[in-house]
mmCIF file of all heavy atoms, coordinates in Angstrom:
data_MODEL
# 
_entry.id   MODEL 
# 
loop_
_atom_site.group_PDB 
_atom_site.id 
_atom_site.type_symbol 
_atom_site.label_atom_id 
_atom_site.label_alt_id 
_atom_site.label_comp_id 
_atom_site.label_asym_id 
_atom_site.label_entity_id 
_atom_site.label_seq_id 
_atom_site.pdbx_PDB_ins_code 
_atom_site.Cartn_x 
_atom_site.Cartn_y 
_atom_site.Cartn_z 
_atom_site.occupancy 
_atom_site.B_iso_or_equiv 
_atom_site.pdbx_formal_charge 
_atom_site.auth_seq_id 
_atom_site.auth_comp_id 
_atom_site.auth_asym_id 
_atom_site.auth_atom_id 
_atom_site.pdbx_PDB_model_num 
ATOM 1   N N   . ILE A 1 1  ? 0.861   -1.162  -0.035 1.00 0.00 ? 1  ILE A N   1 
ATOM 2   C CA  . ILE A 1 1  ? 0.018   0.005   0.017  1.00 0.00 ? 1  ILE A CA  1 
ATOM 3   C C   . ILE A 1 1  ? 0.871   1.222   0.031  1.00 0.00 ? 1  ILE A C   1 
ATOM 4   O O   . ILE A 1 1  ? 1.880   1.339   0.720  1.00 0.00 ? 1  ILE A O   1 
ATOM 5   C CB  . ILE A 1 1  ? -0.996  0.010   1.271  1.00 0.00 ? 1  ILE A CB  1 
ATOM 6   C CG1 . ILE A 1 1  ? -1.925  1.242   1.134  1.00 0.00 ? 1  ILE A CG1 1 
ATOM 7   C CG2 . ILE A 1 1  ? -0.236  0.031   2.549  1.00 0.00 ? 1  ILE A CG2 1 
ATOM 8   C CD1 . ILE A 1 1  ? -3.075  1.146   2.108  1.00 0.00 ? 1  ILE A CD1 1 
ATOM 9   N N   . ARG A 1 2  ? 0.564   2.221   -0.820 1.00 0.00 ? 2  ARG A N   1 
ATOM 10  C CA  . ARG A 1 2  ? 1.212   3.481   -0.881 1.00 0.00 ? 2  ARG A CA  1 
ATOM 11  C C   . ARG A 1 2  ? 0.337   4.545   -0.240 1.00 0.00 ? 2  ARG A C   1 
ATOM 12  O O   . ARG A 1 2  ? -0.791  4.768   -0.694 1.00 0.00 ? 2  ARG A O   1 
ATOM 13  C CB  . ARG A 1 2  ? 1.543   3.848   -2.310 1.00 0.00 ? 2  ARG A CB  1 
ATOM 14  C CG  . ARG A 1 2  ? 2.371   5.124   -2.515 1.00 0.00 ? 2  ARG A CG  1 
ATOM 15  C CD  . ARG A 1 2  ? 2.423   5.588   -3.929 1.00 0.00 ? 2  ARG A CD  1 
ATOM 16  N NE  . ARG A 1 2  ? 3.456   6.606   -4.155 1.00 0.00 ? 2  ARG A NE  1 
ATOM 17  C CZ  . ARG A 1 2  ? 3.345   7.898   -3.879 1.00 0.00 ? 2  ARG A CZ  1 
ATOM 18  N NH1 . ARG A 1 2  ? 2.181   8.274   -3.369 1.00 0.00 ? 2  ARG A NH1 1 
ATOM 19  N NH2 . ARG A 1 2  ? 4.273   8.691   -4.056 1.00 0.00 ? 2  ARG A NH2 1 
ATOM 20  N N   . THR A 1 3  ? 0.855   5.176   0.747  1.00 0.00 ? 3  THR A N   1 
ATOM 21  C CA  . THR A 1 3  ? 0.222   6.232   1.365  1.00 0.00 ? 3  THR A CA  1 
ATOM 22  C C   . THR A 1 3  ? 1.118   7.481   1.392  1.00 0.00 ? 3  THR A C   1 
ATOM 23  O O   . THR A 1 3  ? 2.190   7.434   1.925  1.00 0.00 ? 3  THR A O   1 
ATOM 24  C CB  . THR A 1 3  ? -0.166  5.897   2.874  1.00 0.00 ? 3  THR A CB  1 
ATOM 25  O OG1 . THR A 1 3  ? 0.987   5.589   3.611  1.00 0.00 ? 3  THR A OG1 1 
ATOM 26  C CG2 . THR A 1 3  ? -1.153  4.786   2.843  1.00 0.00 ? 3  THR A CG2 1 
ATOM 27  N N   . ASP A 1 4  ? 0.694   8.525   0.743  1.00 0.00 ? 4  ASP A N   1 
ATOM 28  C CA  . ASP A 1 4  ? 1.474   9.804   0.706  1.00 0.00 ? 4  ASP A CA  1 
ATOM 29  C C   . ASP A 1 4  ? 2.767   9.461   0.030  1.00 0.00 ? 4  ASP A C   1 
ATOM 30  O O   . ASP A 1 4  ? 2.838   9.269   -1.146 1.00 0.00 ? 4  ASP A O   1 
ATOM 31  C CB  . ASP A 1 4  ? 1.660   10.420  2.106  1.00 0.00 ? 4  ASP A CB  1 
ATOM 32  C CG  . ASP A 1 4  ? 0.312   10.781  2.694  1.00 0.00 ? 4  ASP A CG  1 
ATOM 33  O OD1 . ASP A 1 4  ? -0.611  11.147  1.859  1.00 0.00 ? 4  ASP A OD1 1 
ATOM 34  O OD2 . ASP A 1 4  ? 0.116   10.820  3.884  1.00 0.00 ? 4  ASP A OD2 1 
ATOM 35  N N   . GLN A 1 5  ? 3.877   9.454   0.815  1.00 0.00 ? 5  GLN A N   1 
ATOM 36  C CA  . GLN A 1 5  ? 5.300   9.379   0.189  1.00 0.00 ? 5  GLN A CA  1 
ATOM 37  C C   . GLN A 1 5  ? 5.985   8.102   0.627  1.00 0.00 ? 5  GLN A C   1 
ATOM 38  O O   . GLN A 1 5  ? 7.179   8.109   0.828  1.00 0.00 ? 5  GLN A O   1 
ATOM 39  C CB  . GLN A 1 5  ? 6.113   10.578  0.484  1.00 0.00 ? 5  GLN A CB  1 
ATOM 40  C CG  . GLN A 1 5  ? 5.599   11.828  -0.117 1.00 0.00 ? 5  GLN A CG  1 
ATOM 41  C CD  . GLN A 1 5  ? 5.503   11.824  -1.609 1.00 0.00 ? 5  GLN A CD  1 
ATOM 42  O OE1 . GLN A 1 5  ? 6.400   11.291  -2.280 1.00 0.00 ? 5  GLN A OE1 1 
ATOM 43  N NE2 . GLN A 1 5  ? 4.448   12.375  -2.198 1.00 0.00 ? 5  GLN A NE2 1 
ATOM 44  N N   . SER A 1 6  ? 5.252   7.039   0.915  1.00 0.00 ? 6  SER A N   1 
ATOM 45  C CA  . SER A 1 6  ? 5.921   5.809   1.455  1.00 0.00 ? 6  SER A CA  1 
ATOM 46  C C   . SER A 1 6  ? 5.206   4.624   0.872  1.00 0.00 ? 6  SER A C   1 
ATOM 47  O O   . SER A 1 6  ? 4.046   4.659   0.465  1.00 0.00 ? 6  SER A O   1 
ATOM 48  C CB  . SER A 1 6  ? 5.892   5.796   2.970  1.00 0.00 ? 6  SER A CB  1 
ATOM 49  O OG  . SER A 1 6  ? 4.544   5.783   3.477  1.00 0.00 ? 6  SER A OG  1 
ATOM 50  N N   . LEU A 1 7  ? 5.946   3.469   0.895  1.00 0.00 ? 7  LEU A N   1 
ATOM 51  C CA  . LEU A 1 7  ? 5.401   2.194   0.474  1.00 0.00 ? 7  LEU A CA  1 
ATOM 52  C C   . LEU A 1 7  ? 5.573   1.247   1.682  1.00 0.00 ? 7  LEU A C   1 
ATOM 53  O O   . LEU A 1 7  ? 6.634   1.215   2.345  1.00 0.00 ? 7  LEU A O   1 
ATOM 54  C CB  . LEU A 1 7  ? 6.158   1.621   -0.707 1.00 0.00 ? 7  LEU A CB  1 
ATOM 55  C CG  . LEU A 1 7  ? 5.815   2.317   -2.088 1.00 0.00 ? 7  LEU A CG  1 
ATOM 56  C CD1 . LEU A 1 7  ? 6.831   1.752   -3.136 1.00 0.00 ? 7  LEU A CD1 1 
ATOM 57  C CD2 . LEU A 1 7  ? 4.445   1.974   -2.506 1.00 0.00 ? 7  LEU A CD2 1 
ATOM 58  N N   . SER A 1 8  ? 4.616   0.420   1.934  1.00 0.00 ? 8  SER A N   1 
ATOM 59  C CA  . SER A 1 8  ? 4.725   -0.453  3.037  1.00 0.00 ? 8  SER A CA  1 
ATOM 60  C C   . SER A 1 8  ? 3.996   -1.820  2.684  1.00 0.00 ? 8  SER A C   1 
ATOM 61  O O   . SER A 1 8  ? 2.959   -1.758  1.960  1.00 0.00 ? 8  SER A O   1 
ATOM 62  C CB  . SER A 1 8  ? 4.135   0.082   4.293  1.00 0.00 ? 8  SER A CB  1 
ATOM 63  O OG  . SER A 1 8  ? 2.729   0.413   4.086  1.00 0.00 ? 8  SER A OG  1 
ATOM 64  N N   . VAL A 1 9  ? 4.478   -2.878  3.143  1.00 0.00 ? 9  VAL A N   1 
ATOM 65  C CA  . VAL A 1 9  ? 3.928   -4.179  2.934  1.00 0.00 ? 9  VAL A CA  1 
ATOM 66  C C   . VAL A 1 9  ? 3.073   -4.509  4.152  1.00 0.00 ? 9  VAL A C   1 
ATOM 67  O O   . VAL A 1 9  ? 3.571   -4.394  5.290  1.00 0.00 ? 9  VAL A O   1 
ATOM 68  C CB  . VAL A 1 9  ? 4.988   -5.289  2.715  1.00 0.00 ? 9  VAL A CB  1 
ATOM 69  C CG1 . VAL A 1 9  ? 4.376   -6.631  2.525  1.00 0.00 ? 9  VAL A CG1 1 
ATOM 70  C CG2 . VAL A 1 9  ? 5.890   -4.925  1.579  1.00 0.00 ? 9  VAL A CG2 1 
ATOM 71  N N   . ILE A 1 10 ? 1.835   -4.904  3.930  1.00 0.00 ? 10 ILE A N   1 
ATOM 72  C CA  . ILE A 1 10 ? 0.936   -5.195  5.052  1.00 0.00 ? 10 ILE A CA  1 
ATOM 73  C C   . ILE A 1 10 ? 0.344   -6.552  4.889  1.00 0.00 ? 10 ILE A C   1 
ATOM 74  O O   . ILE A 1 10 ? 0.441   -7.104  3.785  1.00 0.00 ? 10 ILE A O   1 
ATOM 75  C CB  . ILE A 1 10 ? -0.211  -4.110  5.151  1.00 0.00 ? 10 ILE A CB  1 
ATOM 76  C CG1 . ILE A 1 10 ? -1.075  -4.209  3.853  1.00 0.00 ? 10 ILE A CG1 1 
ATOM 77  C CG2 . ILE A 1 10 ? 0.256   -2.745  5.324  1.00 0.00 ? 10 ILE A CG2 1 
ATOM 78  C CD1 . ILE A 1 10 ? -2.322  -3.375  3.979  1.00 0.00 ? 10 ILE A CD1 1 
ATOM 79  N N   . ARG A 1 11 ? -0.132  -7.106  5.924  1.00 0.00 ? 11 ARG A N   1 
ATOM 80  C CA  . ARG A 1 11 ? -0.745  -8.443  5.918  1.00 0.00 ? 11 ARG A CA  1 
ATOM 81  C C   . ARG A 1 11 ? -2.265  -8.238  5.777  1.00 0.00 ? 11 ARG A C   1 
ATOM 82  O O   . ARG A 1 11 ? -2.815  -7.260  6.307  1.00 0.00 ? 11 ARG A O   1 
ATOM 83  C CB  . ARG A 1 11 ? -0.410  -9.228  7.210  1.00 0.00 ? 11 ARG A CB  1 
ATOM 84  C CG  . ARG A 1 11 ? 1.001   -9.590  7.348  1.00 0.00 ? 11 ARG A CG  1 
ATOM 85  C CD  . ARG A 1 11 ? 1.261   -10.442 8.493  1.00 0.00 ? 11 ARG A CD  1 
ATOM 86  N NE  . ARG A 1 11 ? 2.682   -10.888 8.592  1.00 0.00 ? 11 ARG A NE  1 
ATOM 87  C CZ  . ARG A 1 11 ? 3.119   -11.660 9.568  1.00 0.00 ? 11 ARG A CZ  1 
ATOM 88  N NH1 . ARG A 1 11 ? 2.337   -12.099 10.493 1.00 0.00 ? 11 ARG A NH1 1 
ATOM 89  N NH2 . ARG A 1 11 ? 4.446   -12.001 9.533  1.00 0.00 ? 11 ARG A NH2 1 
ATOM 90  N N   . GLY A 1 12 ? -2.854  -9.194  5.112  1.00 0.00 ? 12 GLY A N   1 
ATOM 91  C CA  . GLY A 1 12 ? -4.340  -9.082  4.945  1.00 0.00 ? 12 GLY A CA  1 
ATOM 92  C C   . GLY A 1 12 ? -4.722  -8.172  3.876  1.00 0.00 ? 12 GLY A C   1 
ATOM 93  O O   . GLY A 1 12 ? -3.871  -7.679  3.091  1.00 0.00 ? 12 GLY A O   1 
ATOM 94  N N   . LEU A 1 13 ? -5.975  -7.797  3.797  1.00 0.00 ? 13 LEU A N   1 
ATOM 95  C CA  . LEU A 1 13 ? -6.519  -6.867  2.829  1.00 0.00 ? 13 LEU A CA  1 
ATOM 96  C C   . LEU A 1 13 ? -6.814  -5.557  3.473  1.00 0.00 ? 13 LEU A C   1 
ATOM 97  O O   . LEU A 1 13 ? -7.485  -5.488  4.585  1.00 0.00 ? 13 LEU A O   1 
ATOM 98  C CB  . LEU A 1 13 ? -7.776  -7.530  2.252  1.00 0.00 ? 13 LEU A CB  1 
ATOM 99  C CG  . LEU A 1 13 ? -7.600  -8.787  1.399  1.00 0.00 ? 13 LEU A CG  1 
ATOM 100 C CD1 . LEU A 1 13 ? -8.908  -9.329  0.963  1.00 0.00 ? 13 LEU A CD1 1 
ATOM 101 C CD2 . LEU A 1 13 ? -6.678  -8.578  0.284  1.00 0.00 ? 13 LEU A CD2 1 
ATOM 102 N N   . PRO A 1 14 ? -6.397  -4.467  2.877  1.00 0.00 ? 14 PRO A N   1 
ATOM 103 C CA  . PRO A 1 14 ? -6.571  -3.168  3.476  1.00 0.00 ? 14 PRO A CA  1 
ATOM 104 C C   . PRO A 1 14 ? -8.043  -2.596  3.275  1.00 0.00 ? 14 PRO A C   1 
ATOM 105 O O   . PRO A 1 14 ? -8.742  -3.058  2.467  1.00 0.00 ? 14 PRO A O   1 
ATOM 106 C CB  . PRO A 1 14 ? -5.540  -2.307  2.757  1.00 0.00 ? 14 PRO A CB  1 
ATOM 107 C CG  . PRO A 1 14 ? -5.533  -2.901  1.350  1.00 0.00 ? 14 PRO A CG  1 
ATOM 108 C CD  . PRO A 1 14 ? -5.714  -4.376  1.600  1.00 0.00 ? 14 PRO A CD  1 
ATOM 109 N N   . GLN A 1 15 ? -8.341  -1.606  4.097  1.00 0.00 ? 15 GLN A N   1 
ATOM 110 C CA  . GLN A 1 15 ? -9.506  -0.850  3.914  1.00 0.00 ? 15 GLN A CA  1 
ATOM 111 C C   . GLN A 1 15 ? -9.105  0.491   3.154  1.00 0.00 ? 15 GLN A C   1 
ATOM 112 O O   . GLN A 1 15 ? -8.244  1.161   3.631  1.00 0.00 ? 15 GLN A O   1 
ATOM 113 C CB  . GLN A 1 15 ? -10.174 -0.548  5.326  1.00 0.00 ? 15 GLN A CB  1 
ATOM 114 C CG  . GLN A 1 15 ? -10.629 -1.707  6.029  1.00 0.00 ? 15 GLN A CG  1 
ATOM 115 C CD  . GLN A 1 15 ? -11.873 -2.247  5.397  1.00 0.00 ? 15 GLN A CD  1 
ATOM 116 O OE1 . GLN A 1 15 ? -12.531 -1.782  4.546  1.00 0.00 ? 15 GLN A OE1 1 
ATOM 117 N NE2 . GLN A 1 15 ? -12.205 -3.521  5.881  1.00 0.00 ? 15 GLN A NE2 1 
ATOM 118 N N   . LEU A 1 16 ? -9.776  0.703   2.000  1.00 0.00 ? 16 LEU A N   1 
ATOM 119 C CA  . LEU A 1 16 ? -9.433  1.873   1.204  1.00 0.00 ? 16 LEU A CA  1 
ATOM 120 C C   . LEU A 1 16 ? -10.285 3.049   1.647  1.00 0.00 ? 16 LEU A C   1 
ATOM 121 O O   . LEU A 1 16 ? -11.315 3.368   1.068  1.00 0.00 ? 16 LEU A O   1 
ATOM 122 C CB  . LEU A 1 16 ? -9.678  1.597   -0.199 1.00 0.00 ? 16 LEU A CB  1 
ATOM 123 C CG  . LEU A 1 16 ? -8.827  0.472   -0.863 1.00 0.00 ? 16 LEU A CG  1 
ATOM 124 C CD1 . LEU A 1 16 ? -9.090  0.217   -2.282 1.00 0.00 ? 16 LEU A CD1 1 
ATOM 125 C CD2 . LEU A 1 16 ? -7.369  0.798   -0.680 1.00 0.00 ? 16 LEU A CD2 1 
ATOM 126 N N   . GLU A 1 17 ? -9.878  3.677   2.734  1.00 0.00 ? 17 GLU A N   1 
ATOM 127 C CA  . GLU A 1 17 ? -10.630 4.829   3.284  1.00 0.00 ? 17 GLU A CA  1 
ATOM 128 C C   . GLU A 1 17 ? -10.027 6.135   2.784  1.00 0.00 ? 17 GLU A C   1 
ATOM 129 O O   . GLU A 1 17 ? -10.723 7.039   2.526  1.00 0.00 ? 17 GLU A O   1 
ATOM 130 C CB  . GLU A 1 17 ? -10.512 4.813   4.831  1.00 0.00 ? 17 GLU A CB  1 
ATOM 131 C CG  . GLU A 1 17 ? -11.186 3.563   5.419  1.00 0.00 ? 17 GLU A CG  1 
ATOM 132 C CD  . GLU A 1 17 ? -11.046 3.492   6.879  1.00 0.00 ? 17 GLU A CD  1 
ATOM 133 O OE1 . GLU A 1 17 ? -10.353 4.326   7.483  1.00 0.00 ? 17 GLU A OE1 1 
ATOM 134 O OE2 . GLU A 1 17 ? -11.667 2.558   7.503  1.00 0.00 ? 17 GLU A OE2 1 
ATOM 135 N N   . ASN A 1 18 ? -8.680  6.198   2.564  1.00 0.00 ? 18 ASN A N   1 
ATOM 136 C CA  . ASN A 1 18 ? -8.035  7.358   2.100  1.00 0.00 ? 18 ASN A CA  1 
ATOM 137 C C   . ASN A 1 18 ? -7.976  7.335   0.663  1.00 0.00 ? 18 ASN A C   1 
ATOM 138 O O   . ASN A 1 18 ? -7.493  6.367   -0.003 1.00 0.00 ? 18 ASN A O   1 
ATOM 139 C CB  . ASN A 1 18 ? -6.681  7.488   2.683  1.00 0.00 ? 18 ASN A CB  1 
ATOM 140 C CG  . ASN A 1 18 ? -5.979  8.839   2.333  1.00 0.00 ? 18 ASN A CG  1 
ATOM 141 O OD1 . ASN A 1 18 ? -6.410  9.555   1.470  1.00 0.00 ? 18 ASN A OD1 1 
ATOM 142 N ND2 . ASN A 1 18 ? -4.883  9.107   3.065  1.00 0.00 ? 18 ASN A ND2 1 
ATOM 143 N N   . HIS A 1 19 ? -8.562  8.303   -0.039 1.00 0.00 ? 19 HIS A N   1 
ATOM 144 C CA  . HIS A 1 19 ? -8.563  8.376   -1.571 1.00 0.00 ? 19 HIS A CA  1 
ATOM 145 C C   . HIS A 1 19 ? -7.228  8.511   -2.109 1.00 0.00 ? 19 HIS A C   1 
ATOM 146 O O   . HIS A 1 19 ? -7.067  8.430   -3.396 1.00 0.00 ? 19 HIS A O   1 
ATOM 147 C CB  . HIS A 1 19 ? -9.489  9.450   -1.981 1.00 0.00 ? 19 HIS A CB  1 
ATOM 148 C CG  . HIS A 1 19 ? -10.934 9.234   -1.677 1.00 0.00 ? 19 HIS A CG  1 
ATOM 149 N ND1 . HIS A 1 19 ? -11.721 8.221   -2.309 1.00 0.00 ? 19 HIS A ND1 1 
ATOM 150 C CD2 . HIS A 1 19 ? -11.759 9.825   -0.750 1.00 0.00 ? 19 HIS A CD2 1 
ATOM 151 C CE1 . HIS A 1 19 ? -12.905 8.232   -1.783 1.00 0.00 ? 19 HIS A CE1 1 
ATOM 152 N NE2 . HIS A 1 19 ? -13.019 9.197   -0.822 1.00 0.00 ? 19 HIS A NE2 1 
ATOM 153 N N   . ASN A 1 20 ? -6.214  8.893   -1.349 1.00 0.00 ? 20 ASN A N   1 
ATOM 154 C CA  . ASN A 1 20 ? -4.845  9.051   -1.855 1.00 0.00 ? 20 ASN A CA  1 
ATOM 155 C C   . ASN A 1 20 ? -4.076  7.711   -1.835 1.00 0.00 ? 20 ASN A C   1 
ATOM 156 O O   . ASN A 1 20 ? -2.919  7.621   -2.316 1.00 0.00 ? 20 ASN A O   1 
ATOM 157 C CB  . ASN A 1 20 ? -4.049  10.064  -1.095 1.00 0.00 ? 20 ASN A CB  1 
ATOM 158 C CG  . ASN A 1 20 ? -4.630  11.460  -1.279 1.00 0.00 ? 20 ASN A CG  1 
ATOM 159 O OD1 . ASN A 1 20 ? -5.079  11.800  -2.341 1.00 0.00 ? 20 ASN A OD1 1 
ATOM 160 N ND2 . ASN A 1 20 ? -4.628  12.277  -0.241 1.00 0.00 ? 20 ASN A ND2 1 
ATOM 161 N N   . ASP A 1 21 ? -4.675  6.622   -1.193 1.00 0.00 ? 21 ASP A N   1 
ATOM 162 C CA  . ASP A 1 21 ? -3.980  5.395   -1.118 1.00 0.00 ? 21 ASP A CA  1 
ATOM 163 C C   . ASP A 1 21 ? -4.017  4.698   -2.437 1.00 0.00 ? 21 ASP A C   1 
ATOM 164 O O   . ASP A 1 21 ? -4.944  4.814   -3.221 1.00 0.00 ? 21 ASP A O   1 
ATOM 165 C CB  . ASP A 1 21 ? -4.660  4.501   -0.100 1.00 0.00 ? 21 ASP A CB  1 
ATOM 166 C CG  . ASP A 1 21 ? -4.565  5.046   1.316  1.00 0.00 ? 21 ASP A CG  1 
ATOM 167 O OD1 . ASP A 1 21 ? -3.691  5.987   1.563  1.00 0.00 ? 21 ASP A OD1 1 
ATOM 168 O OD2 . ASP A 1 21 ? -5.207  4.500   2.247  1.00 0.00 ? 21 ASP A OD2 1 
ATOM 169 N N   . VAL A 1 22 ? -2.909  3.967   -2.697 1.00 0.00 ? 22 VAL A N   1 
ATOM 170 C CA  . VAL A 1 22 ? -2.756  3.141   -3.917 1.00 0.00 ? 22 VAL A CA  1 
ATOM 171 C C   . VAL A 1 22 ? -2.290  1.817   -3.445 1.00 0.00 ? 22 VAL A C   1 
ATOM 172 O O   . VAL A 1 22 ? -1.327  1.653   -2.756 1.00 0.00 ? 22 VAL A O   1 
ATOM 173 C CB  . VAL A 1 22 ? -1.759  3.767   -4.947 1.00 0.00 ? 22 VAL A CB  1 
ATOM 174 C CG1 . VAL A 1 22 ? -1.608  2.734   -6.084 1.00 0.00 ? 22 VAL A CG1 1 
ATOM 175 C CG2 . VAL A 1 22 ? -2.161  5.080   -5.425 1.00 0.00 ? 22 VAL A CG2 1 
ATOM 176 N N   . VAL A 1 23 ? -3.122  0.810   -3.756 1.00 0.00 ? 23 VAL A N   1 
ATOM 177 C CA  . VAL A 1 23 ? -2.859  -0.546  -3.257 1.00 0.00 ? 23 VAL A CA  1 
ATOM 178 C C   . VAL A 1 23 ? -2.516  -1.456  -4.469 1.00 0.00 ? 23 VAL A C   1 
ATOM 179 O O   . VAL A 1 23 ? -3.132  -1.453  -5.534 1.00 0.00 ? 23 VAL A O   1 
ATOM 180 C CB  . VAL A 1 23 ? -4.126  -1.157  -2.527 1.00 0.00 ? 23 VAL A CB  1 
ATOM 181 C CG1 . VAL A 1 23 ? -3.875  -2.575  -2.216 1.00 0.00 ? 23 VAL A CG1 1 
ATOM 182 C CG2 . VAL A 1 23 ? -4.340  -0.250  -1.293 1.00 0.00 ? 23 VAL A CG2 1 
ATOM 183 N N   . TRP A 1 24 ? -1.403  -2.283  -4.231 1.00 0.00 ? 24 TRP A N   1 
ATOM 184 C CA  . TRP A 1 24 ? -1.032  -3.273  -5.238 1.00 0.00 ? 24 TRP A CA  1 
ATOM 185 C C   . TRP A 1 24 ? -1.187  -4.638  -4.580 1.00 0.00 ? 24 TRP A C   1 
ATOM 186 O O   . TRP A 1 24 ? -0.614  -4.888  -3.469 1.00 0.00 ? 24 TRP A O   1 
ATOM 187 C CB  . TRP A 1 24 ? 0.404   -3.029  -5.622 1.00 0.00 ? 24 TRP A CB  1 
ATOM 188 C CG  . TRP A 1 24 ? 1.016   -4.232  -6.358 1.00 0.00 ? 24 TRP A CG  1 
ATOM 189 C CD1 . TRP A 1 24 ? 0.423   -5.144  -7.047 1.00 0.00 ? 24 TRP A CD1 1 
ATOM 190 C CD2 . TRP A 1 24 ? 2.419   -4.581  -6.280 1.00 0.00 ? 24 TRP A CD2 1 
ATOM 191 N NE1 . TRP A 1 24 ? 1.362   -6.106  -7.492 1.00 0.00 ? 24 TRP A NE1 1 
ATOM 192 C CE2 . TRP A 1 24 ? 2.553   -5.748  -7.026 1.00 0.00 ? 24 TRP A CE2 1 
ATOM 193 C CE3 . TRP A 1 24 ? 3.550   -4.043  -5.684 1.00 0.00 ? 24 TRP A CE3 1 
ATOM 194 C CZ2 . TRP A 1 24 ? 3.797   -6.436  -7.217 1.00 0.00 ? 24 TRP A CZ2 1 
ATOM 195 C CZ3 . TRP A 1 24 ? 4.759   -4.663  -5.913 1.00 0.00 ? 24 TRP A CZ3 1 
ATOM 196 C CH2 . TRP A 1 24 ? 4.863   -5.862  -6.651 1.00 0.00 ? 24 TRP A CH2 1 
ATOM 197 N N   . LEU A 1 25 ? -2.047  -5.459  -5.097 1.00 0.00 ? 25 LEU A N   1 
ATOM 198 C CA  . LEU A 1 25 ? -2.240  -6.808  -4.579 1.00 0.00 ? 25 LEU A CA  1 
ATOM 199 C C   . LEU A 1 25 ? -1.660  -7.867  -5.548 1.00 0.00 ? 25 LEU A C   1 
ATOM 200 O O   . LEU A 1 25 ? -1.907  -7.837  -6.780 1.00 0.00 ? 25 LEU A O   1 
ATOM 201 C CB  . LEU A 1 25 ? -3.710  -7.115  -4.453 1.00 0.00 ? 25 LEU A CB  1 
ATOM 202 C CG  . LEU A 1 25 ? -4.571  -6.195  -3.555 1.00 0.00 ? 25 LEU A CG  1 
ATOM 203 C CD1 . LEU A 1 25 ? -5.982  -6.642  -3.644 1.00 0.00 ? 25 LEU A CD1 1 
ATOM 204 C CD2 . LEU A 1 25 ? -4.122  -6.386  -2.142 1.00 0.00 ? 25 LEU A CD2 1 
ATOM 205 N N   . GLU A 1 26 ? -0.780  -8.680  -4.995 1.00 0.00 ? 26 GLU A N   1 
ATOM 206 C CA  . GLU A 1 26 ? -0.252  -9.838  -5.809 1.00 0.00 ? 26 GLU A CA  1 
ATOM 207 C C   . GLU A 1 26 ? -0.946  -11.063 -5.308 1.00 0.00 ? 26 GLU A C   1 
ATOM 208 O O   . GLU A 1 26 ? -0.751  -11.551 -4.177 1.00 0.00 ? 26 GLU A O   1 
ATOM 209 C CB  . GLU A 1 26 ? 1.246   -9.932  -5.726 1.00 0.00 ? 26 GLU A CB  1 
ATOM 210 C CG  . GLU A 1 26 ? 1.836   -11.040 -6.578 1.00 0.00 ? 26 GLU A CG  1 
ATOM 211 C CD  . GLU A 1 26 ? 3.379   -11.037 -6.596 1.00 0.00 ? 26 GLU A CD  1 
ATOM 212 O OE1 . GLU A 1 26 ? 3.937   -10.188 -5.845 1.00 0.00 ? 26 GLU A OE1 1 
ATOM 213 O OE2 . GLU A 1 26 ? 3.950   -11.796 -7.325 1.00 0.00 ? 26 GLU A OE2 1 
# 
């Protein structure tokens, strides 16, 4: 998930609440 100016790997499926978030699912 990309939030603002960072990339982070998270577990599970995210909630897309922030419209600036960009999510990449493999």
